[in-house]
N, C-alpha and C. Protein backbone atom coordinates (compact mmCIF):
# COMPACT_ATOMS: atom_id res chain seq x y z
N MET A 1 0.67 -1.08 0.20
CA MET A 1 0.17 -0.28 -0.25
C MET A 1 1.22 1.16 -0.23
N THR A 2 1.11 2.64 -0.53
CA THR A 2 1.57 3.19 -0.51
C THR A 2 0.84 4.39 0.12
N GLN A 3 1.76 5.59 0.14
CA GLN A 3 1.59 6.15 1.47
C GLN A 3 0.12 7.48 1.05
N VAL A 4 0.51 7.48 -0.32
CA VAL A 4 -1.27 8.48 -0.42
C VAL A 4 -2.65 7.37 -0.52
N ASP A 5 -2.54 5.84 -0.72
CA ASP A 5 -3.31 5.12 -0.41
C ASP A 5 -4.02 4.97 1.31
N GLU A 6 -2.75 5.08 1.89
CA GLU A 6 -2.77 5.18 3.45
C GLU A 6 -3.17 6.55 3.86
N MET A 7 -2.34 7.69 3.41
CA MET A 7 -3.63 9.03 3.79
C MET A 7 -4.96 9.30 3.18
N THR A 8 -5.52 8.41 2.60
CA THR A 8 -6.81 8.53 1.34
C THR A 8 -7.46 7.73 2.61
N ARG A 9 -6.92 6.71 2.79
CA ARG A 9 -7.55 5.69 4.29
C ARG A 9 -7.95 6.24 5.42
N LEU A 10 -7.08 7.04 6.01
CA LEU A 10 -7.31 7.70 7.18
C LEU A 10 -8.13 8.80 6.79
N SER A 11 -8.06 9.35 5.85
CA SER A 11 -8.92 10.59 5.93
C SER A 11 -10.52 10.30 5.15
N ASP A 12 -10.65 8.69 5.32
CA ASP A 12 -12.43 8.22 5.24
C ASP A 12 -12.14 8.33 6.99
N ASN A 13 -11.57 7.86 7.33
CA ASN A 13 -11.58 7.59 8.88
C ASN A 13 -11.89 9.01 9.42
N ASP A 14 -11.46 9.97 8.92
CA ASP A 14 -12.17 10.98 9.83
C ASP A 14 -13.47 11.26 9.59
N THR A 15 -14.09 11.09 8.69
CA THR A 15 -15.07 11.26 8.42
C THR A 15 -16.11 10.48 9.27
N LEU A 16 -15.53 8.93 9.39
CA LEU A 16 -16.44 8.27 9.89
C LEU A 16 -16.23 8.53 11.84
N LEU A 17 -15.33 9.03 12.06
CA LEU A 17 -15.00 8.91 13.56
C LEU A 17 -15.78 10.28 13.44
N GLU A 18 -16.07 11.28 12.59
CA GLU A 18 -17.28 12.16 12.67
C GLU A 18 -18.65 12.23 13.45
N GLU A 19 -18.76 11.22 12.37
CA GLU A 19 -20.28 10.68 12.55
C GLU A 19 -20.61 10.01 13.81
N ALA A 20 -19.11 9.02 14.29
CA ALA A 20 -19.09 7.73 15.67
C ALA A 20 -19.48 9.02 17.00
N GLN A 21 -18.43 10.10 16.77
CA GLN A 21 -19.33 11.21 17.73
C GLN A 21 -20.14 11.56 17.53
N GLU A 22 -20.38 11.89 16.56
CA GLU A 22 -21.84 12.61 16.29
C GLU A 22 -23.12 12.03 16.97
N ASN A 23 -23.28 10.24 16.44
CA ASN A 23 -23.94 9.65 17.28
C ASN A 23 -23.90 9.21 18.87
N GLY A 24 -23.27 10.02 19.46
CA GLY A 24 -23.42 10.28 20.81
C GLY A 24 -22.33 8.84 22.08
N HIS A 25 -21.99 10.60 22.68
CA HIS A 25 -20.85 10.02 23.63
C HIS A 25 -22.14 9.28 25.05
N ASP A 26 -23.28 9.82 24.73
CA ASP A 26 -24.29 9.83 26.25
C ASP A 26 -24.53 8.18 26.32
N ASN A 27 -24.11 7.05 25.35
CA ASN A 27 -24.80 5.57 25.69
C ASN A 27 -23.18 4.95 26.30
N GLU A 28 -22.33 5.32 26.15
CA GLU A 28 -21.14 4.98 26.44
C GLU A 28 -20.39 4.59 27.86
N THR A 29 -20.10 3.68 27.41
CA THR A 29 -20.04 3.38 29.38
C THR A 29 -18.21 3.63 29.73
N ILE A 30 -18.08 3.40 31.18
CA ILE A 30 -17.14 4.23 31.71
C ILE A 30 -15.69 3.95 31.29
N GLU A 31 -15.76 2.46 30.42
CA GLU A 31 -15.08 1.63 29.70
C GLU A 31 -14.82 2.24 28.57
N GLU A 32 -15.67 2.59 27.46
CA GLU A 32 -15.67 2.97 26.39
C GLU A 32 -15.00 4.54 26.62
N ARG A 33 -15.32 5.52 27.15
CA ARG A 33 -14.71 6.56 27.77
C ARG A 33 -13.35 6.84 27.85
N CYS A 34 -13.11 6.07 28.79
CA CYS A 34 -11.49 5.91 29.39
C CYS A 34 -10.78 5.13 28.83
N PHE A 35 -11.41 4.20 27.81
CA PHE A 35 -10.29 3.97 26.60
C PHE A 35 -9.66 5.10 25.36
N SER A 36 -10.86 6.07 25.14
CA SER A 36 -11.05 6.35 24.16
C SER A 36 -10.07 7.79 24.80
N ALA A 37 -10.28 8.18 25.90
CA ALA A 37 -9.33 9.50 26.45
C ALA A 37 -8.02 8.47 25.98
N ALA A 38 -7.70 7.10 26.32
CA ALA A 38 -6.26 6.98 26.34
C ALA A 38 -5.91 7.05 24.96
N LEU A 39 -6.57 6.49 24.19
CA LEU A 39 -6.09 6.55 22.30
C LEU A 39 -5.97 8.21 22.32
N VAL A 40 -6.66 9.20 22.48
CA VAL A 40 -7.14 10.31 21.64
C VAL A 40 -5.47 10.62 22.49
N CYS A 41 -4.91 10.43 23.83
CA CYS A 41 -3.71 10.60 24.05
C CYS A 41 -2.38 9.95 23.53
N LEU A 42 -2.61 9.04 22.78
CA LEU A 42 -1.95 8.15 22.19
C LEU A 42 -1.40 8.51 20.92
N GLU A 43 -2.74 9.11 20.29
CA GLU A 43 -2.65 9.28 18.94
C GLU A 43 -1.58 10.37 19.03
N GLY A 44 -2.24 11.76 19.80
CA GLY A 44 -1.40 12.94 19.64
C GLY A 44 0.20 12.70 20.05
N HIS A 45 0.72 11.81 20.81
CA HIS A 45 1.66 11.64 21.79
C HIS A 45 2.45 10.78 19.72
N TYR A 46 2.32 9.82 18.96
CA TYR A 46 2.54 9.11 18.17
C TYR A 46 2.95 10.47 16.97
N THR A 47 2.03 11.22 16.63
CA THR A 47 1.51 12.20 15.81
C THR A 47 2.47 13.34 16.56
N GLN A 48 3.23 13.38 17.85
CA GLN A 48 3.80 15.21 18.09
C GLN A 48 3.01 16.00 18.14
N SER A 49 1.36 15.54 18.07
CA SER A 49 0.87 16.78 18.78
C SER A 49 0.10 17.02 19.73
N PRO A 50 0.48 17.21 21.03
CA PRO A 50 2.03 16.89 21.33
C PRO A 50 1.80 15.72 21.56
N PRO A 51 3.30 15.62 22.06
CA PRO A 51 4.37 14.12 22.18
C PRO A 51 3.50 14.72 24.30
N MET A 52 3.05 13.08 25.42
CA MET A 52 2.97 13.10 26.33
C MET A 52 3.90 13.21 26.75
N GLY A 53 3.67 13.96 28.29
CA GLY A 53 4.99 14.13 29.53
C GLY A 53 4.92 13.25 30.38
N PRO A 54 5.48 12.86 30.75
CA PRO A 54 5.65 11.20 31.86
C PRO A 54 4.55 11.21 32.78
N HIS A 55 3.71 12.12 33.42
CA HIS A 55 2.62 11.83 34.07
C HIS A 55 1.10 11.40 33.60
N THR A 56 1.40 12.23 32.01
CA THR A 56 0.34 11.57 30.66
C THR A 56 0.34 10.06 30.65
N ALA A 57 1.94 9.95 29.84
CA ALA A 57 2.07 8.67 29.88
C ALA A 57 1.84 7.34 30.39
N ALA A 58 2.31 7.79 32.31
CA ALA A 58 1.72 6.86 33.27
C ALA A 58 0.35 6.67 33.34
N ARG A 59 -0.83 8.09 33.18
CA ARG A 59 -1.91 7.60 33.69
C ARG A 59 -2.30 6.73 32.52
N VAL A 60 -1.49 6.77 30.86
CA VAL A 60 -2.36 6.31 29.87
C VAL A 60 -2.49 4.82 29.64
N SER A 61 -1.15 4.71 30.35
CA SER A 61 -0.09 3.63 30.38
C SER A 61 -1.43 2.13 32.08
N SER A 62 -1.59 3.26 32.24
CA SER A 62 -2.78 2.60 33.61
C SER A 62 -3.93 2.26 32.83
N MET A 63 -4.28 3.15 32.59
CA MET A 63 -5.84 3.39 31.04
C MET A 63 -6.10 1.54 30.54
N ILE A 64 -4.81 2.08 29.83
CA ILE A 64 -4.42 0.76 28.72
C ILE A 64 -4.63 -0.61 29.66
N THR A 65 -3.83 -0.61 30.82
CA THR A 65 -3.68 -1.92 30.99
C THR A 65 -4.84 -2.23 31.95
N LYS A 66 -5.53 -1.43 32.45
CA LYS A 66 -6.96 -1.56 32.80
C LYS A 66 -7.95 -1.90 31.89
N THR A 67 -7.94 -1.73 30.68
CA THR A 67 -8.70 -1.99 29.37
C THR A 67 -8.51 -3.12 28.86
N LEU A 68 -7.00 -3.67 29.05
CA LEU A 68 -6.47 -4.94 28.72
C LEU A 68 -7.50 -5.83 29.75
N GLU A 69 -7.52 -5.72 30.85
CA GLU A 69 -7.63 -6.25 31.83
C GLU A 69 -9.01 -6.97 31.93
N LYS A 70 -9.90 -5.40 31.93
CA LYS A 70 -11.39 -5.55 31.29
C LYS A 70 -12.00 -6.07 30.36
N THR A 71 -11.55 -6.33 29.25
CA THR A 71 -11.72 -7.27 28.00
C THR A 71 -10.99 -8.17 28.10
N HIS A 72 -10.84 -8.57 28.92
CA HIS A 72 -9.76 -10.36 28.79
C HIS A 72 -11.00 -10.83 30.29
N THR A 73 -11.71 -10.25 30.94
CA THR A 73 -12.23 -11.05 32.11
C THR A 73 -13.84 -10.80 32.46
N LEU A 74 -13.93 -9.44 31.90
CA LEU A 74 -15.65 -8.90 31.52
C LEU A 74 -16.57 -8.84 30.15
N ARG A 75 -17.33 -9.45 29.62
CA ARG A 75 -18.28 -9.63 28.71
C ARG A 75 -18.60 -8.62 28.69
N LYS A 76 -19.52 -7.99 28.87
CA LYS A 76 -20.34 -6.79 29.08
C LYS A 76 -19.30 -5.71 28.67
N ALA A 77 -18.59 -5.38 29.31
CA ALA A 77 -17.14 -4.02 28.78
C ALA A 77 -16.39 -4.41 27.59
N ARG A 78 -16.49 -6.15 27.00
CA ARG A 78 -15.42 -6.41 25.86
C ARG A 78 -16.74 -5.97 24.87
N GLU A 79 -17.82 -6.14 24.84
CA GLU A 79 -18.91 -6.37 23.90
C GLU A 79 -19.39 -4.71 24.01
N ALA A 80 -19.09 -4.10 24.84
CA ALA A 80 -19.30 -2.29 24.80
C ALA A 80 -18.10 -1.61 23.85
N ILE A 81 -17.30 -1.80 24.11
CA ILE A 81 -15.97 -1.54 23.26
C ILE A 81 -16.20 -2.40 21.79
N SER A 82 -16.55 -3.68 21.79
CA SER A 82 -15.64 -4.01 20.62
C SER A 82 -17.08 -3.23 19.43
N ARG A 83 -18.00 -2.51 19.83
CA ARG A 83 -19.14 -2.18 18.65
C ARG A 83 -18.40 -0.84 18.59
N ASN A 84 -17.41 -0.10 19.55
CA ASN A 84 -17.48 1.06 19.41
C ASN A 84 -16.70 1.79 18.38
N VAL A 85 -17.14 1.90 17.25
CA VAL A 85 -16.89 2.53 15.98
C VAL A 85 -15.39 3.56 16.26
N ALA A 86 -15.66 4.42 17.26
CA ALA A 86 -14.71 5.42 17.14
C ALA A 86 -13.27 4.74 17.43
N ILE A 87 -13.41 4.12 18.91
CA ILE A 87 -12.33 3.12 19.54
C ILE A 87 -11.59 2.86 17.99
N TRP A 88 -12.22 2.03 17.71
CA TRP A 88 -11.64 1.30 16.48
C TRP A 88 -10.78 2.30 15.48
N ILE A 89 -11.49 3.05 15.38
CA ILE A 89 -10.55 4.15 14.49
C ILE A 89 -9.25 4.55 15.06
N TRP A 90 -9.63 5.18 16.23
CA TRP A 90 -8.37 5.64 17.11
C TRP A 90 -7.24 4.58 16.77
N LEU A 91 -7.48 3.24 17.39
CA LEU A 91 -6.95 2.50 17.26
C LEU A 91 -6.29 2.46 16.10
N THR A 92 -7.03 2.09 14.88
CA THR A 92 -6.25 2.04 13.59
C THR A 92 -5.22 3.84 12.94
N ARG A 93 -5.43 4.79 13.45
CA ARG A 93 -4.88 5.75 13.48
C ARG A 93 -3.37 5.45 14.53
N ILE A 94 -3.79 5.14 15.51
CA ILE A 94 -2.70 5.19 16.93
C ILE A 94 -1.04 4.05 15.79
N PHE A 95 -1.66 2.89 15.32
CA PHE A 95 -0.48 2.30 14.47
C PHE A 95 -0.43 2.71 13.45
N ALA A 96 -0.64 3.36 12.39
CA ALA A 96 -1.37 3.84 11.52
C ALA A 96 0.07 5.35 11.46
N ALA A 97 0.13 5.25 12.85
CA ALA A 97 1.09 6.97 13.31
C ALA A 97 2.54 6.09 13.85
N ALA A 98 2.22 5.37 14.68
CA ALA A 98 3.37 4.30 15.00
C ALA A 98 4.07 3.57 14.57
N ILE A 99 3.76 2.91 13.99
CA ILE A 99 4.71 1.89 12.17
C ILE A 99 5.73 3.14 11.96
N PRO A 100 5.22 4.17 11.20
CA PRO A 100 6.01 5.21 10.39
C PRO A 100 7.79 5.18 11.60
N SER A 101 6.86 5.63 12.54
CA SER A 101 8.34 6.30 13.78
C SER A 101 9.25 4.85 14.41
N LEU A 102 8.16 4.36 14.50
CA LEU A 102 9.01 2.25 14.86
C LEU A 102 10.09 2.19 13.73
N THR A 103 9.38 2.30 12.71
CA THR A 103 10.28 2.36 11.17
C THR A 103 11.44 2.74 11.87
N THR A 104 11.56 4.44 11.34
CA THR A 104 12.48 5.18 11.26
C THR A 104 13.14 4.84 12.37
N ARG A 105 13.29 4.35 13.99
CA ARG A 105 14.01 4.17 14.57
C ARG A 105 14.89 2.93 14.66
N SER A 106 14.18 2.19 14.23
CA SER A 106 15.15 0.44 13.93
C SER A 106 15.33 -0.02 12.27
N VAL A 107 14.65 0.33 11.73
CA VAL A 107 14.90 -0.27 10.22
C VAL A 107 15.40 0.78 9.03
N GLY A 108 14.96 2.17 9.29
CA GLY A 108 15.91 3.16 8.70
C GLY A 108 14.66 3.43 7.90
N PRO A 109 14.84 3.93 6.97
CA PRO A 109 13.69 4.71 5.63
C PRO A 109 12.57 4.23 5.34
N LEU A 110 11.36 4.72 5.11
CA LEU A 110 9.87 4.05 5.58
C LEU A 110 9.51 3.20 4.25
N SER A 111 10.63 3.35 3.53
CA SER A 111 10.37 2.75 2.17
C SER A 111 10.79 1.40 2.46
N SER A 112 11.66 1.26 3.48
CA SER A 112 11.70 -0.33 3.91
C SER A 112 10.78 -0.71 4.19
N LEU A 113 9.49 -0.60 4.83
CA LEU A 113 8.50 -1.07 5.81
C LEU A 113 7.82 -2.62 4.43
N ASN A 114 7.84 -2.00 3.16
CA ASN A 114 7.43 -2.94 2.41
C ASN A 114 8.82 -3.55 1.42
N ASP A 115 10.49 -2.79 1.72
CA ASP A 115 10.80 -3.18 0.82
C ASP A 115 12.19 -3.63 1.03
N PRO A 116 12.82 -4.35 2.25
CA PRO A 116 13.19 -4.50 3.55
C PRO A 116 14.80 -3.99 2.29
N GLU A 117 14.71 -4.54 1.15
CA GLU A 117 16.74 -4.05 0.11
C GLU A 117 16.29 -2.57 0.22
N LYS A 118 15.21 -1.52 1.07
CA LYS A 118 16.02 -0.30 0.36
C LYS A 118 16.04 0.04 2.27
N GLY A 119 15.70 -0.36 3.20
CA GLY A 119 17.24 -0.41 4.33
C GLY A 119 17.97 0.09 4.88
N VAL A 120 18.21 0.27 5.50
CA VAL A 120 19.73 0.50 6.14
C VAL A 120 20.24 -1.16 6.07
N THR A 121 21.89 -1.16 6.47
CA THR A 121 22.40 -2.67 6.45
C THR A 121 22.19 -3.30 7.92
N PRO A 122 22.44 -4.47 8.13
CA PRO A 122 22.08 -4.91 9.39
C PRO A 122 23.04 -4.07 10.27
N GLN A 123 23.66 -3.74 10.65
CA GLN A 123 24.79 -3.54 11.31
C GLN A 123 24.32 -1.57 12.01
N GLU A 124 23.71 -0.98 10.66
CA GLU A 124 23.14 0.46 10.92
C GLU A 124 22.09 0.06 11.91
N SER A 125 21.18 -0.70 10.96
CA SER A 125 19.68 -1.40 12.26
C SER A 125 19.94 -1.00 13.58
N THR A 126 21.20 -2.29 13.53
CA THR A 126 21.90 -2.83 15.45
C THR A 126 21.85 -1.17 15.82
N ALA A 127 22.46 -0.69 15.53
CA ALA A 127 23.02 0.87 15.79
C ALA A 127 21.90 1.34 16.29
N LEU A 128 20.81 2.03 15.45
CA LEU A 128 19.70 2.49 15.48
C LEU A 128 18.86 2.08 16.49
N ILE A 129 18.55 0.67 16.81
CA ILE A 129 17.89 0.26 17.95
C ILE A 129 18.73 0.22 19.25
N VAL A 130 20.25 0.35 18.98
CA VAL A 130 20.54 0.17 20.56
C VAL A 130 20.24 2.03 20.42
N MET A 131 20.47 2.47 19.99
CA MET A 131 20.36 3.97 20.23
C MET A 131 18.86 4.41 20.49
N ASN A 132 17.74 3.88 19.97
CA ASN A 132 16.68 4.15 20.28
C ASN A 132 15.98 3.47 21.38
N HIS A 133 16.97 2.85 21.41
CA HIS A 133 15.98 0.88 22.32
C HIS A 133 15.44 1.65 23.74
N ALA A 134 15.20 3.01 24.44
CA ALA A 134 14.10 3.48 25.40
C ALA A 134 12.92 3.11 24.86
N SER A 135 12.65 4.34 23.73
CA SER A 135 11.52 4.54 23.11
C SER A 135 10.81 3.63 22.37
N ILE A 136 11.70 2.31 21.83
CA ILE A 136 11.26 1.43 21.52
C ILE A 136 11.00 0.42 22.26
N LYS A 137 11.42 0.12 22.80
CA LYS A 137 10.84 -0.83 24.11
C LYS A 137 9.45 -0.55 24.81
N GLU A 138 9.31 0.86 25.37
CA GLU A 138 8.43 1.29 25.77
C GLU A 138 6.62 1.36 24.07
N ASP A 139 7.22 2.03 23.34
CA ASP A 139 6.41 1.66 22.00
C ASP A 139 6.15 0.54 21.51
N LEU A 140 6.66 -0.34 21.38
CA LEU A 140 6.33 -1.49 21.71
C LEU A 140 5.57 -2.73 22.30
N GLY A 141 6.20 -1.77 23.62
CA GLY A 141 5.24 -2.53 24.62
C GLY A 141 3.45 -2.11 24.60
N THR A 142 4.03 -1.01 23.84
CA THR A 142 2.08 0.01 24.32
C THR A 142 1.38 -0.84 23.15
N LEU A 143 1.87 -1.02 22.18
CA LEU A 143 1.55 -1.54 20.67
C LEU A 143 0.85 -3.06 21.21
N ILE A 144 1.65 -4.01 22.18
CA ILE A 144 1.66 -5.42 22.32
C ILE A 144 -0.49 -5.31 23.60
N LYS A 145 -0.39 -4.87 23.61
CA LYS A 145 -1.19 -3.94 24.80
C LYS A 145 -2.22 -4.10 23.88
N LEU A 146 -2.15 -3.08 23.10
CA LEU A 146 -3.32 -2.64 22.33
C LEU A 146 -4.10 -3.43 21.21
N MET A 147 -2.66 -5.23 20.49
CA MET A 147 -3.45 -5.52 20.23
C MET A 147 -3.76 -6.56 20.96
N HIS A 148 -3.46 -6.80 22.36
CA HIS A 148 -4.22 -8.09 23.17
C HIS A 148 -5.40 -7.46 22.68
N ILE A 149 -5.80 -6.37 23.45
CA ILE A 149 -7.23 -5.65 23.22
C ILE A 149 -8.24 -5.70 22.14
N ALA A 150 -7.24 -5.44 21.23
CA ALA A 150 -8.21 -5.78 19.51
C ALA A 150 -8.76 -7.19 19.56
N ARG A 151 -7.38 -8.07 19.95
CA ARG A 151 -7.79 -9.81 19.97
C ARG A 151 -8.97 -10.36 20.99
N ASN A 152 -8.68 -9.75 21.57
CA ASN A 152 -9.93 -9.40 22.51
C ASN A 152 -11.59 -9.28 22.61
N LEU A 153 -11.29 -7.61 21.44
CA LEU A 153 -12.37 -7.33 21.42
C LEU A 153 -13.44 -8.15 20.14
N LEU A 154 -12.24 -8.95 19.49
CA LEU A 154 -12.95 -9.86 18.26
C LEU A 154 -13.56 -11.02 18.85
N VAL A 155 -13.29 -11.56 20.03
CA VAL A 155 -14.05 -12.67 20.89
C VAL A 155 -14.48 -12.51 21.57
N ASN A 156 -16.31 -12.71 21.10
CA ASN A 156 -17.45 -12.04 21.54
C ASN A 156 -18.30 -13.10 20.99
N ALA A 157 -19.71 -13.16 21.60
CA ALA A 157 -20.60 -13.63 20.76
C ALA A 157 -21.07 -13.62 19.57
N GLU A 158 -20.75 -12.03 19.00
CA GLU A 158 -21.04 -11.51 17.53
C GLU A 158 -19.96 -11.41 17.09
N PRO A 159 -19.10 -11.70 17.15
CA PRO A 159 -17.50 -11.61 16.34
C PRO A 159 -17.81 -10.31 14.95
N GLU A 160 -18.54 -10.96 13.96
CA GLU A 160 -19.16 -10.62 13.30
C GLU A 160 -18.83 -8.88 13.04
N VAL A 161 -20.11 -8.21 14.13
CA VAL A 161 -19.91 -6.90 14.17
C VAL A 161 -18.14 -6.29 14.15
N PRO A 162 -17.66 -6.85 15.48
CA PRO A 162 -16.14 -5.56 14.76
C PRO A 162 -15.29 -5.67 13.98
N GLN A 163 -15.05 -7.39 13.53
CA GLN A 163 -14.93 -7.77 12.57
C GLN A 163 -14.98 -6.62 11.05
N ASP A 164 -16.44 -7.16 11.32
CA ASP A 164 -16.90 -5.85 9.61
C ASP A 164 -16.63 -3.99 10.33
N ILE A 165 -16.44 -3.99 11.59
CA ILE A 165 -16.18 -2.57 11.81
C ILE A 165 -14.35 -2.22 11.32
N CYS A 166 -13.58 -3.38 11.60
CA CYS A 166 -12.21 -3.15 11.36
C CYS A 166 -11.91 -3.32 10.25
N ALA A 167 -12.53 -4.09 9.40
CA ALA A 167 -12.75 -3.85 7.86
C ALA A 167 -12.34 -2.85 7.50
N ALA A 168 -14.09 -2.03 7.33
CA ALA A 168 -14.41 -0.79 7.24
C ALA A 168 -13.30 0.37 7.55
N VAL A 169 -12.82 0.47 8.66
CA VAL A 169 -11.93 1.22 8.59
C VAL A 169 -10.42 0.92 8.31
N HIS A 170 -9.87 -0.39 8.06
CA HIS A 170 -8.61 -0.80 7.87
C HIS A 170 -7.94 -0.65 8.96
N PHE A 171 -8.19 -1.77 9.68
CA PHE A 171 -7.43 -2.05 10.96
C PHE A 171 -6.37 -2.75 10.87
N ASP A 172 -7.28 -3.57 9.93
CA ASP A 172 -6.58 -5.23 9.65
C ASP A 172 -5.43 -4.72 8.65
N GLN A 173 -5.33 -3.26 8.16
CA GLN A 173 -4.28 -3.50 7.28
C GLN A 173 -3.50 -2.74 8.02
N MET A 174 -3.59 -2.33 9.32
CA MET A 174 -2.79 -1.97 10.16
C MET A 174 -1.98 -3.15 10.48
N VAL A 175 -2.65 -4.16 10.49
CA VAL A 175 -1.99 -5.48 11.80
C VAL A 175 -1.11 -5.77 10.76
N TYR A 176 -1.98 -5.91 9.59
CA TYR A 176 -0.64 -6.66 8.27
C TYR A 176 0.51 -5.92 7.95
N GLN A 177 0.70 -4.11 8.62
CA GLN A 177 1.35 -3.55 8.17
C GLN A 177 2.74 -3.59 9.44
N THR A 178 2.07 -4.10 10.80
CA THR A 178 2.53 -4.63 12.13
C THR A 178 3.53 -5.66 11.67
N ILE A 179 2.73 -7.21 10.95
CA ILE A 179 3.66 -7.81 11.44
C ILE A 179 4.93 -7.66 10.03
N ILE A 180 4.87 -6.66 9.03
CA ILE A 180 6.39 -6.42 7.93
C ILE A 180 6.50 -5.94 8.88
N LEU A 181 7.01 -4.56 9.70
CA LEU A 181 7.53 -4.04 10.51
C LEU A 181 8.47 -4.82 11.81
N CYS A 182 7.66 -5.80 11.94
CA CYS A 182 8.39 -6.92 12.72
C CYS A 182 8.89 -7.68 12.48
N VAL A 183 8.62 -8.29 11.18
CA VAL A 183 9.61 -9.34 10.46
C VAL A 183 10.90 -8.82 10.05
N ASN A 184 10.92 -7.26 9.46
CA ASN A 184 11.62 -6.33 9.09
C ASN A 184 12.98 -5.79 10.28
N VAL A 185 12.61 -6.04 11.59
CA VAL A 185 13.22 -5.73 12.32
C VAL A 185 13.99 -7.29 13.24
N THR A 186 13.12 -8.17 13.25
CA THR A 186 13.91 -9.09 13.44
C THR A 186 14.58 -10.15 12.60
N SER A 187 14.69 -9.77 11.43
CA SER A 187 15.29 -10.49 10.54
C SER A 187 16.81 -10.02 10.12
N LYS A 188 16.57 -8.73 10.85
CA LYS A 188 18.41 -7.91 10.65
C LYS A 188 19.24 -8.83 11.23
N GLY A 189 19.14 -9.61 12.20
CA GLY A 189 20.25 -9.89 12.46
C GLY A 189 21.34 -9.85 13.66
N TYR A 190 22.45 -10.12 13.97
CA TYR A 190 23.63 -9.35 14.62
C TYR A 190 24.65 -9.51 12.83
N ASP A 191 24.51 -10.13 12.54
CA ASP A 191 25.08 -10.38 10.89
C ASP A 191 26.68 -10.43 11.20
N GLY A 192 27.54 -10.87 12.52
CA GLY A 192 28.51 -11.05 12.57
C GLY A 192 29.25 -9.78 13.56
N GLU A 193 28.07 -8.70 13.79
CA GLU A 193 29.05 -7.55 14.37
C GLU A 193 28.84 -7.75 15.32
N ILE A 194 30.58 -7.38 16.13
CA ILE A 194 30.78 -7.13 17.57
C ILE A 194 29.99 -6.53 18.35
N LEU A 195 29.40 -7.04 19.11
CA LEU A 195 28.46 -6.20 19.99
C LEU A 195 28.75 -6.43 21.61
N ASP A 196 28.86 -5.41 22.30
CA ASP A 196 29.21 -5.33 23.84
C ASP A 196 27.95 -5.99 24.30
N GLU A 197 27.96 -6.47 25.46
CA GLU A 197 27.09 -7.25 26.34
C GLU A 197 25.66 -6.48 26.34
N ASN A 198 26.03 -5.13 27.00
CA ASN A 198 24.69 -4.08 27.01
C ASN A 198 23.95 -3.99 26.11
N GLN A 199 24.76 -3.80 24.52
CA GLN A 199 24.59 -3.80 23.23
C GLN A 199 23.42 -5.03 23.13
N ARG A 200 23.95 -5.94 23.38
CA ARG A 200 23.13 -7.33 22.85
C ARG A 200 22.08 -7.74 23.24
N LEU A 201 21.83 -6.90 24.96
CA LEU A 201 20.74 -6.78 25.52
C LEU A 201 19.81 -6.39 25.21
N LYS A 202 19.84 -5.11 24.38
CA LYS A 202 19.09 -3.85 24.20
C LYS A 202 18.33 -4.74 22.46
N LEU A 203 19.14 -4.88 21.77
CA LEU A 203 19.21 -5.96 20.88
C LEU A 203 17.71 -7.17 21.09
N GLY A 204 18.52 -7.76 21.81
CA GLY A 204 17.69 -8.91 22.22
C GLY A 204 16.54 -8.41 22.99
N ASP A 205 15.97 -7.63 23.70
CA ASP A 205 15.02 -6.95 24.26
C ASP A 205 14.09 -6.37 23.02
N VAL A 206 14.14 -5.35 22.39
CA VAL A 206 13.43 -5.11 21.20
C VAL A 206 13.09 -6.42 20.06
N THR A 207 13.78 -7.91 19.74
CA THR A 207 13.98 -8.64 19.41
C THR A 207 12.90 -9.27 19.83
N GLU A 208 12.69 -9.87 21.24
CA GLU A 208 11.97 -10.77 21.99
C GLU A 208 10.21 -9.80 21.94
N LEU A 209 10.17 -8.26 21.46
CA LEU A 209 9.25 -7.94 21.43
C LEU A 209 8.05 -7.87 20.35
N CYS A 210 9.14 -8.05 19.75
CA CYS A 210 8.60 -7.98 18.18
C CYS A 210 8.41 -8.99 17.73
N LYS A 211 8.86 -10.04 18.21
CA LYS A 211 8.43 -11.64 18.13
C LYS A 211 6.91 -11.77 19.29
N ILE A 212 6.92 -10.90 20.21
CA ILE A 212 5.43 -10.91 20.95
C ILE A 212 4.32 -10.66 19.90
N LEU A 213 5.11 -9.11 19.61
CA LEU A 213 4.07 -8.19 18.96
C LEU A 213 3.53 -9.28 17.26
N THR A 214 4.25 -9.74 17.05
CA THR A 214 4.15 -10.77 15.80
C THR A 214 3.63 -11.44 16.07
N LYS A 215 3.56 -12.26 17.22
CA LYS A 215 2.62 -13.65 17.80
C LYS A 215 1.04 -13.20 17.71
N VAL A 216 0.73 -12.09 18.82
CA VAL A 216 -0.61 -11.55 18.77
C VAL A 216 -1.21 -11.11 17.24
N ALA A 217 -0.36 -10.08 16.53
CA ALA A 217 -1.00 -9.62 15.89
C ALA A 217 -1.43 -10.58 14.51
N ILE A 218 -1.17 -11.76 14.79
CA ILE A 218 -0.98 -12.68 13.74
C ILE A 218 -2.70 -13.89 13.64
N SER A 219 -2.20 -13.60 15.20
CA SER A 219 -3.50 -14.10 16.04
C SER A 219 -5.25 -13.57 15.63
N ASN A 220 -4.84 -11.97 15.23
CA ASN A 220 -5.88 -11.17 14.87
C ASN A 220 -6.38 -11.49 13.53
N ALA A 221 -4.91 -11.72 13.05
CA ALA A 221 -4.92 -11.95 11.62
C ALA A 221 -5.89 -13.33 10.82
N ALA A 222 -5.82 -13.94 11.55
CA ALA A 222 -6.50 -14.93 11.68
C ALA A 222 -7.74 -15.30 10.78
């Protein structure tokens, strides 16, 4: 998918989001409102408009963790959130913003997302990952939780509803792009480069998180 196609799809989602919001927050559950608020902050963070400070980031992380727990254990919360079109749109926009950011911090130019040959060398990728280790690790951890939540939302009495919403807002494409990114990162390897123990641990951290994210994303794509 080209960048133009992606921007067109996100523009379509802007219209869907306006319609979803106009159709009323009045009937939303507290779980929907809290999760929506966290997603709005995250989307702003990934698009740098504006990035979150440490206190906001901690609150957002807490709300996402609580949402993950509730969508796993509470059927009513899971079903309510799964039918919320605005939430699926925010999820799509977050992944659409996070994937390019993670790409440039780990495997180089955005063009490498669909064509690894256009990326940097394994040595350069390793250097990027080590340099950006903290932010990459944090972002991958967040995306893993969001992907887990998405999977939970697709497992309910009427999965056709969230499945149709996913297709309509193109979240399924974000799942595919996530898998591509993770494969690109984990395929770089060490390529014989001599790393010190600290660098090896940082690279191992990111590789392991990418494997986890890939596994969860594949379960969503299945």
